[in-house]
């Protein structure tokens, strides 16, 4: 498994080999990455989405989910 520091050093070595004509494009790409929202925030935006769901609907959904996963597992095992 590659460590964070090893990955960073690999990337820095690769950057040092990039032709100077492409550095502007690389800089723009890095800037874009820096300003992208973190995925964790998008996931957390769903927190509480089912808070007001009727209990019977939630139970039915849970049972269907379990059954569907079991069906899919049997397909994979075949």
PDB file of N, CA and C in Angstrom:
ATOM      1  N   UNK A   1       0.849  -1.183   0.000  1.00  0.00           N
ATOM      2  CA  UNK A   1       0.000   0.000   0.000  1.00  0.00           C
ATOM      3  C   UNK A   1       0.887   1.236   0.000  1.00  0.00           C
ATOM      4  N   UNK A   2       0.556   2.163  -0.837  1.00  0.00           N
ATOM      5  CA  UNK A   2       1.343   3.384  -0.960  1.00  0.00           C
ATOM      6  C   UNK A   2       0.877   4.413   0.073  1.00  0.00           C
ATOM      7  N   UNK A   3       1.835   5.035   0.722  1.00  0.00           N
ATOM      8  CA  UNK A   3       1.481   6.018   1.750  1.00  0.00           C
ATOM      9  C   UNK A   3       1.169   7.366   1.116  1.00  0.00           C
ATOM     10  N   UNK A   4       0.596   8.213   1.908  1.00  0.00           N
ATOM     11  CA  UNK A   4       0.263   9.566   1.472  1.00  0.00           C
ATOM     12  C   UNK A   4       1.522  10.297   1.001  1.00  0.00           C
ATOM     13  N   UNK A   5       2.597  10.198   1.781  1.00  0.00           N
ATOM     14  CA  UNK A   5       3.845  10.906   1.440  1.00  0.00           C
ATOM     15  C   UNK A   5       4.457  10.334   0.169  1.00  0.00           C
ATOM     16  N   UNK A   6       4.415   9.013   0.005  1.00  0.00           N
ATOM     17  CA  UNK A   6       4.940   8.402  -1.211  1.00  0.00           C
ATOM     18  C   UNK A   6       4.151   8.868  -2.432  1.00  0.00           C
ATOM     19  N   UNK A   7       2.833   8.899  -2.300  1.00  0.00           N
ATOM     20  CA  UNK A   7       1.984   9.350  -3.415  1.00  0.00           C
ATOM     21  C   UNK A   7       2.308  10.798  -3.772  1.00  0.00           C
ATOM     22  N   UNK A   8       2.431  11.638  -2.748  1.00  0.00           N
ATOM     23  CA  UNK A   8       2.748  13.054  -2.962  1.00  0.00           C
ATOM     24  C   UNK A   8       4.093  13.195  -3.676  1.00  0.00           C
ATOM     25  N   UNK A   9       5.089  12.431  -3.250  1.00  0.00           N
ATOM     26  CA  UNK A   9       6.412  12.499  -3.883  1.00  0.00           C
ATOM     27  C   UNK A   9       6.375  12.016  -5.326  1.00  0.00           C
ATOM     28  N   UNK A  10       5.588  10.968  -5.595  1.00  0.00           N
ATOM     29  CA  UNK A  10       5.443  10.497  -6.978  1.00  0.00           C
ATOM     30  C   UNK A  10       4.838  11.577  -7.860  1.00  0.00           C
ATOM     31  N   UNK A  11       3.823  12.228  -7.347  1.00  0.00           N
ATOM     32  CA  UNK A  11       3.158  13.288  -8.121  1.00  0.00           C
ATOM     33  C   UNK A  11       4.120  14.446  -8.367  1.00  0.00           C
ATOM     34  N   UNK A  12       4.872  14.832  -7.363  1.00  0.00           N
ATOM     35  CA  UNK A  12       5.826  15.935  -7.522  1.00  0.00           C
ATOM     36  C   UNK A  12       6.903  15.589  -8.553  1.00  0.00           C
ATOM     37  N   UNK A  13       7.370  14.352  -8.563  1.00  0.00           N
ATOM     38  CA  UNK A  13       8.355  13.930  -9.567  1.00  0.00           C
ATOM     39  C   UNK A  13       7.763  14.022 -10.963  1.00  0.00           C
ATOM     40  N   UNK A  14       6.517  13.584 -11.102  1.00  0.00           N
ATOM     41  CA  UNK A  14       5.869  13.644 -12.412  1.00  0.00           C
ATOM     42  C   UNK A  14       5.669  15.082 -12.860  1.00  0.00           C
ATOM     43  N   UNK A  15       5.309  15.955 -11.921  1.00  0.00           N
ATOM     44  CA  UNK A  15       5.116  17.364 -12.257  1.00  0.00           C
ATOM     45  C   UNK A  15       6.424  17.981 -12.746  1.00  0.00           C
ATOM     46  N   UNK A  16       7.524  17.588 -12.124  1.00  0.00           N
ATOM     47  CA  UNK A  16       8.813  18.161 -12.529  1.00  0.00           C
ATOM     48  C   UNK A  16       9.185  17.772 -13.958  1.00  0.00           C
ATOM     49  N   UNK A  17       8.581  16.730 -14.509  1.00  0.00           N
ATOM     50  CA  UNK A  17       8.871  16.280 -15.878  1.00  0.00           C
ATOM     51  C   UNK A  17       7.923  16.874 -16.920  1.00  0.00           C
ATOM     52  N   UNK A  18       6.907  17.587 -16.477  1.00  0.00           N
ATOM     53  CA  UNK A  18       5.929  18.144 -17.408  1.00  0.00           C
ATOM     54  C   UNK A  18       6.552  19.313 -18.163  1.00  0.00           C
ATOM     55  N   UNK A  19       6.345  19.367 -19.479  1.00  0.00           N
ATOM     56  CA  UNK A  19       6.879  20.487 -20.255  1.00  0.00           C
ATOM     57  C   UNK A  19       6.273  21.811 -19.786  1.00  0.00           C
ATOM     58  N   UNK A  20       7.082  22.870 -19.864  1.00  0.00           N
ATOM     59  CA  UNK A  20       6.630  24.167 -19.349  1.00  0.00           C
ATOM     60  C   UNK A  20       5.386  24.675 -20.067  1.00  0.00           C
ATOM     61  N   UNK A  21       5.154  24.234 -21.303  1.00  0.00           N
ATOM     62  CA  UNK A  21       3.970  24.667 -22.051  1.00  0.00           C
ATOM     63  C   UNK A  21       2.677  24.132 -21.432  1.00  0.00           C
ATOM     64  N   UNK A  22       2.776  23.073 -20.676  1.00  0.00           N
ATOM     65  CA  UNK A  22       1.578  22.456 -20.101  1.00  0.00           C
ATOM     66  C   UNK A  22       1.359  22.851 -18.644  1.00  0.00           C
ATOM     67  N   UNK A  23       2.260  23.622 -18.072  1.00  0.00           N
ATOM     68  CA  UNK A  23       2.136  23.983 -16.660  1.00  0.00           C
ATOM     69  C   UNK A  23       0.909  24.835 -16.372  1.00  0.00           C
ATOM     70  N   UNK A  24       0.549  25.709 -17.305  1.00  0.00           N
ATOM     71  CA  UNK A  24      -0.635  26.545 -17.093  1.00  0.00           C
ATOM     72  C   UNK A  24      -1.893  25.676 -17.008  1.00  0.00           C
ATOM     73  N   UNK A  25      -2.005  24.705 -17.894  1.00  0.00           N
ATOM     74  CA  UNK A  25      -3.163  23.806 -17.876  1.00  0.00           C
ATOM     75  C   UNK A  25      -3.184  22.999 -16.581  1.00  0.00           C
ATOM     76  N   UNK A  26      -2.031  22.567 -16.132  1.00  0.00           N
ATOM     77  CA  UNK A  26      -1.945  21.824 -14.880  1.00  0.00           C
ATOM     78  C   UNK A  26      -2.367  22.699 -13.705  1.00  0.00           C
ATOM     79  N   UNK A  27      -1.912  23.925 -13.694  1.00  0.00           N
ATOM     80  CA  UNK A  27      -2.269  24.858 -12.631  1.00  0.00           C
ATOM     81  C   UNK A  27      -3.777  25.097 -12.605  1.00  0.00           C
ATOM     82  N   UNK A  28      -4.383  25.245 -13.762  1.00  0.00           N
ATOM     83  CA  UNK A  28      -5.838  25.441 -13.836  1.00  0.00           C
ATOM     84  C   UNK A  28      -6.579  24.208 -13.323  1.00  0.00           C
ATOM     85  N   UNK A  29      -6.066  23.027 -13.670  1.00  0.00           N
ATOM     86  CA  UNK A  29      -6.699  21.793 -13.209  1.00  0.00           C
ATOM     87  C   UNK A  29      -6.607  21.672 -11.691  1.00  0.00           C
ATOM     88  N   UNK A  30      -5.445  21.969 -11.150  1.00  0.00           N
ATOM     89  CA  UNK A  30      -5.270  21.901  -9.694  1.00  0.00           C
ATOM     90  C   UNK A  30      -6.193  22.903  -9.003  1.00  0.00           C
ATOM     91  N   UNK A  31      -6.316  24.091  -9.562  1.00  0.00           N
ATOM     92  CA  UNK A  31      -7.223  25.088  -8.985  1.00  0.00           C
ATOM     93  C   UNK A  31      -8.660  24.578  -8.979  1.00  0.00           C
ATOM     94  N   UNK A  32      -9.034  23.919 -10.061  1.00  0.00           N
ATOM     95  CA  UNK A  32     -10.384  23.355 -10.152  1.00  0.00           C
ATOM     96  C   UNK A  32     -10.595  22.291  -9.067  1.00  0.00           C
ATOM     97  N   UNK A  33      -9.594  21.435  -8.870  1.00  0.00           N
ATOM     98  CA  UNK A  33      -9.692  20.403  -7.828  1.00  0.00           C
ATOM     99  C   UNK A  33      -9.812  21.018  -6.437  1.00  0.00           C
ATOM    100  N   UNK A  34      -9.075  22.090  -6.212  1.00  0.00           N
ATOM    101  CA  UNK A  34      -9.104  22.736  -4.898  1.00  0.00           C
ATOM    102  C   UNK A  34     -10.473  23.317  -4.576  1.00  0.00           C
ATOM    103  N   UNK A  35     -11.201  23.727  -5.605  1.00  0.00           N
ATOM    104  CA  UNK A  35     -12.485  24.386  -5.379  1.00  0.00           C
ATOM    105  C   UNK A  35     -13.683  23.460  -5.505  1.00  0.00           C
ATOM    106  N   UNK A  36     -13.428  22.179  -5.842  1.00  0.00           N
ATOM    107  CA  UNK A  36     -14.526  21.220  -5.920  1.00  0.00           C
ATOM    108  C   UNK A  36     -15.064  20.940  -4.531  1.00  0.00           C
ATOM    109  N   UNK A  37     -16.371  20.809  -4.407  1.00  0.00           N
ATOM    110  CA  UNK A  37     -16.923  20.451  -3.094  1.00  0.00           C
ATOM    111  C   UNK A  37     -16.483  19.039  -2.709  1.00  0.00           C
ATOM    112  N   UNK A  38     -16.316  18.828  -1.463  1.00  0.00           N
ATOM    113  CA  UNK A  38     -15.918  17.522  -0.962  1.00  0.00           C
ATOM    114  C   UNK A  38     -17.114  16.585  -1.027  1.00  0.00           C
ATOM    115  N   UNK A  39     -16.911  15.363  -1.481  1.00  0.00           N
ATOM    116  CA  UNK A  39     -18.006  14.408  -1.635  1.00  0.00           C
ATOM    117  C   UNK A  39     -18.737  14.168  -0.324  1.00  0.00           C
ATOM    118  N   UNK A  40     -18.012  14.203   0.759  1.00  0.00           N
ATOM    119  CA  UNK A  40     -18.627  13.942   2.057  1.00  0.00           C
ATOM    120  C   UNK A  40     -19.776  14.916   2.306  1.00  0.00           C
ATOM    121  N   UNK A  41     -19.607  16.151   1.901  1.00  0.00           N
ATOM    122  CA  UNK A  41     -20.660  17.146   2.107  1.00  0.00           C
ATOM    123  C   UNK A  41     -21.912  16.792   1.320  1.00  0.00           C
ATOM    124  N   UNK A  42     -21.745  16.256   0.107  1.00  0.00           N
ATOM    125  CA  UNK A  42     -22.920  15.876  -0.677  1.00  0.00           C
ATOM    126  C   UNK A  42     -23.649  14.725  -0.009  1.00  0.00           C
ATOM    127  N   UNK A  43     -22.902  13.781   0.532  1.00  0.00           N
ATOM    128  CA  UNK A  43     -23.523  12.653   1.203  1.00  0.00           C
ATOM    129  C   UNK A  43     -24.269  13.117   2.438  1.00  0.00           C
ATOM    130  N   UNK A  44     -23.662  13.987   3.193  1.00  0.00           N
ATOM    131  CA  UNK A  44     -24.297  14.475   4.409  1.00  0.00           C
ATOM    132  C   UNK A  44     -25.540  15.307   4.113  1.00  0.00           C
ATOM    133  N   UNK A  45     -25.666  15.802   2.901  1.00  0.00           N
ATOM    134  CA  UNK A  45     -26.848  16.591   2.575  1.00  0.00           C
ATOM    135  C   UNK A  45     -28.120  15.745   2.608  1.00  0.00           C
ATOM    136  N   UNK A  46     -27.983  14.424   2.566  1.00  0.00           N
ATOM    137  CA  UNK A  46     -29.140  13.537   2.633  1.00  0.00           C
ATOM    138  C   UNK A  46     -29.534  13.205   4.068  1.00  0.00           C
ATOM    139  N   UNK A  47     -28.745  13.646   5.018  1.00  0.00           N
ATOM    140  CA  UNK A  47     -29.027  13.332   6.423  1.00  0.00           C
ATOM    141  C   UNK A  47     -30.427  13.821   6.790  1.00  0.00           C
ATOM    142  N   UNK A  48     -31.204  12.942   7.380  1.00  0.00           N
ATOM    143  CA  UNK A  48     -32.548  13.293   7.818  1.00  0.00           C
ATOM    144  C   UNK A  48     -33.592  13.271   6.717  1.00  0.00           C
ATOM    145  N   UNK A  49     -33.220  12.824   5.520  1.00  0.00           N
ATOM    146  CA  UNK A  49     -34.161  12.837   4.396  1.00  0.00           C
ATOM    147  C   UNK A  49     -35.383  11.954   4.647  1.00  0.00           C
ATOM    148  N   UNK A  50     -35.222  10.900   5.424  1.00  0.00           N
ATOM    149  CA  UNK A  50     -36.326   9.983   5.682  1.00  0.00           C
ATOM    150  C   UNK A  50     -36.906  10.190   7.066  1.00  0.00           C
ATOM    151  N   UNK A  51     -36.592  11.257   7.668  1.00  0.00           N
ATOM    152  CA  UNK A  51     -37.003  11.515   9.041  1.00  0.00           C
ATOM    153  C   UNK A  51     -38.526  11.486   9.219  1.00  0.00           C
ATOM    154  N   UNK A  52     -39.256  12.019   8.257  1.00  0.00           N
ATOM    155  CA  UNK A  52     -40.710  12.113   8.372  1.00  0.00           C
ATOM    156  C   UNK A  52     -41.442  10.966   7.671  1.00  0.00           C
ATOM    157  N   UNK A  53     -40.714   9.927   7.247  1.00  0.00           N
ATOM    158  CA  UNK A  53     -41.340   8.822   6.528  1.00  0.00           C
ATOM    159  C   UNK A  53     -42.195   7.990   7.484  1.00  0.00           C
ATOM    160  N   UNK A  54     -43.356   7.594   6.999  1.00  0.00           N
ATOM    161  CA  UNK A  54     -44.255   6.744   7.773  1.00  0.00           C
ATOM    162  C   UNK A  54     -43.544   5.434   8.111  1.00  0.00           C
ATOM    163  N   UNK A  55     -43.713   4.970   9.325  1.00  0.00           N
ATOM    164  CA  UNK A  55     -43.017   3.775   9.825  1.00  0.00           C
ATOM    165  C   UNK A  55     -43.334   2.536   8.990  1.00  0.00           C
ATOM    166  N   UNK A  56     -44.590   2.374   8.562  1.00  0.00           N
ATOM    167  CA  UNK A  56     -44.964   1.196   7.778  1.00  0.00           C
ATOM    168  C   UNK A  56     -44.286   1.206   6.401  1.00  0.00           C
ATOM    169  N   UNK A  57     -44.155   2.374   5.812  1.00  0.00           N
ATOM    170  CA  UNK A  57     -43.478   2.492   4.520  1.00  0.00           C
ATOM    171  C   UNK A  57     -42.003   2.161   4.676  1.00  0.00           C
ATOM    172  N   UNK A  58     -41.401   2.651   5.732  1.00  0.00           N
ATOM    173  CA  UNK A  58     -39.994   2.370   5.987  1.00  0.00           C
ATOM    174  C   UNK A  58     -39.768   0.878   6.222  1.00  0.00           C
ATOM    175  N   UNK A  59     -40.654   0.234   6.972  1.00  0.00           N
ATOM    176  CA  UNK A  59     -40.537  -1.210   7.200  1.00  0.00           C
ATOM    177  C   UNK A  59     -40.652  -1.986   5.899  1.00  0.00           C
ATOM    178  N   UNK A  60     -41.621  -1.622   5.062  1.00  0.00           N
ATOM    179  CA  UNK A  60     -41.803  -2.276   3.771  1.00  0.00           C
ATOM    180  C   UNK A  60     -40.560  -2.089   2.898  1.00  0.00           C
ATOM    181  N   UNK A  61     -40.041  -0.888   2.869  1.00  0.00           N
ATOM    182  CA  UNK A  61     -38.845  -0.592   2.089  1.00  0.00           C
ATOM    183  C   UNK A  61     -37.668  -1.448   2.564  1.00  0.00           C
ATOM    184  N   UNK A  62     -37.504  -1.545   3.873  1.00  0.00           N
ATOM    185  CA  UNK A  62     -36.403  -2.321   4.443  1.00  0.00           C
ATOM    186  C   UNK A  62     -36.524  -3.799   4.069  1.00  0.00           C
ATOM    187  N   UNK A  63     -37.735  -4.350   4.160  1.00  0.00           N
ATOM    188  CA  UNK A  63     -37.947  -5.760   3.796  1.00  0.00           C
ATOM    189  C   UNK A  63     -37.646  -5.985   2.316  1.00  0.00           C
ATOM    190  N   UNK A  64     -38.114  -5.087   1.465  1.00  0.00           N
ATOM    191  CA  UNK A  64     -37.848  -5.221   0.021  1.00  0.00           C
ATOM    192  C   UNK A  64     -36.357  -5.125  -0.267  1.00  0.00           C
ATOM    193  N   UNK A  65     -35.690  -4.234   0.432  1.00  0.00           N
ATOM    194  CA  UNK A  65     -34.260  -4.054   0.235  1.00  0.00           C
ATOM    195  C   UNK A  65     -33.511  -5.340   0.570  1.00  0.00           C
ATOM    196  N   UNK A  66     -33.847  -5.938   1.693  1.00  0.00           N
ATOM    197  CA  UNK A  66     -33.208  -7.192   2.109  1.00  0.00           C
ATOM    198  C   UNK A  66     -33.483  -8.292   1.085  1.00  0.00           C
ATOM    199  N   UNK A  67     -34.734  -8.410   0.649  1.00  0.00           N
ATOM    200  CA  UNK A  67     -35.086  -9.436  -0.343  1.00  0.00           C
ATOM    201  C   UNK A  67     -34.344  -9.213  -1.663  1.00  0.00           C
ATOM    202  N   UNK A  68     -34.279  -7.973  -2.120  1.00  0.00           N
ATOM    203  CA  UNK A  68     -33.580  -7.676  -3.373  1.00  0.00           C
ATOM    204  C   UNK A  68     -32.090  -7.986  -3.275  1.00  0.00           C
ATOM    205  N   UNK A  69     -31.498  -7.683  -2.141  1.00  0.00           N
ATOM    206  CA  UNK A  69     -30.074  -7.988  -1.971  1.00  0.00           C
ATOM    207  C   UNK A  69     -29.846  -9.497  -1.968  1.00  0.00           C
ATOM    208  N   UNK A  70     -30.743 -10.245  -1.356  1.00  0.00           N
ATOM    209  CA  UNK A  70     -30.604 -11.699  -1.353  1.00  0.00           C
ATOM    210  C   UNK A  70     -30.749 -12.259  -2.764  1.00  0.00           C
ATOM    211  N   UNK A  71     -31.689 -11.731  -3.541  1.00  0.00           N
ATOM    212  CA  UNK A  71     -31.866 -12.169  -4.932  1.00  0.00           C
ATOM    213  C   UNK A  71     -30.611 -11.870  -5.743  1.00  0.00           C
ATOM    214  N   UNK A  72     -30.079 -10.679  -5.594  1.00  0.00           N
ATOM    215  CA  UNK A  72     -28.882 -10.300  -6.339  1.00  0.00           C
ATOM    216  C   UNK A  72     -27.682 -11.147  -5.933  1.00  0.00           C
ATOM    217  N   UNK A  73     -27.585 -11.484  -4.671  1.00  0.00           N
ATOM    218  CA  UNK A  73     -26.478 -12.321  -4.206  1.00  0.00           C
ATOM    219  C   UNK A  73     -26.554 -13.697  -4.839  1.00  0.00           C
ATOM    220  N   UNK A  74     -27.758 -14.250  -4.936  1.00  0.00           N
ATOM    221  CA  UNK A  74     -27.888 -15.590  -5.526  1.00  0.00           C
ATOM    222  C   UNK A  74     -27.514 -15.566  -7.003  1.00  0.00           C
ATOM    223  N   UNK A  75     -27.781 -14.457  -7.695  1.00  0.00           N
ATOM    224  CA  UNK A  75     -27.385 -14.324  -9.098  1.00  0.00           C
ATOM    225  C   UNK A  75     -25.871 -14.302  -9.234  1.00  0.00           C
ATOM    226  N   UNK A  76     -25.200 -13.642  -8.322  1.00  0.00           N
ATOM    227  CA  UNK A  76     -23.752 -13.545  -8.369  1.00  0.00           C
ATOM    228  C   UNK A  76     -23.122 -14.901  -8.070  1.00  0.00           C
ATOM    229  N   UNK A  77     -23.715 -15.628  -7.132  1.00  0.00           N
ATOM    230  CA  UNK A  77     -23.165 -16.938  -6.750  1.00  0.00           C
ATOM    231  C   UNK A  77     -23.325 -17.983  -7.851  1.00  0.00           C
ATOM    232  N   UNK A  78     -24.311 -17.813  -8.741  1.00  0.00           N
ATOM    233  CA  UNK A  78     -24.566 -18.800  -9.803  1.00  0.00           C
ATOM    234  C   UNK A  78     -23.487 -18.852 -10.813  1.00  0.00           C
TER     235      UNK A  78
END
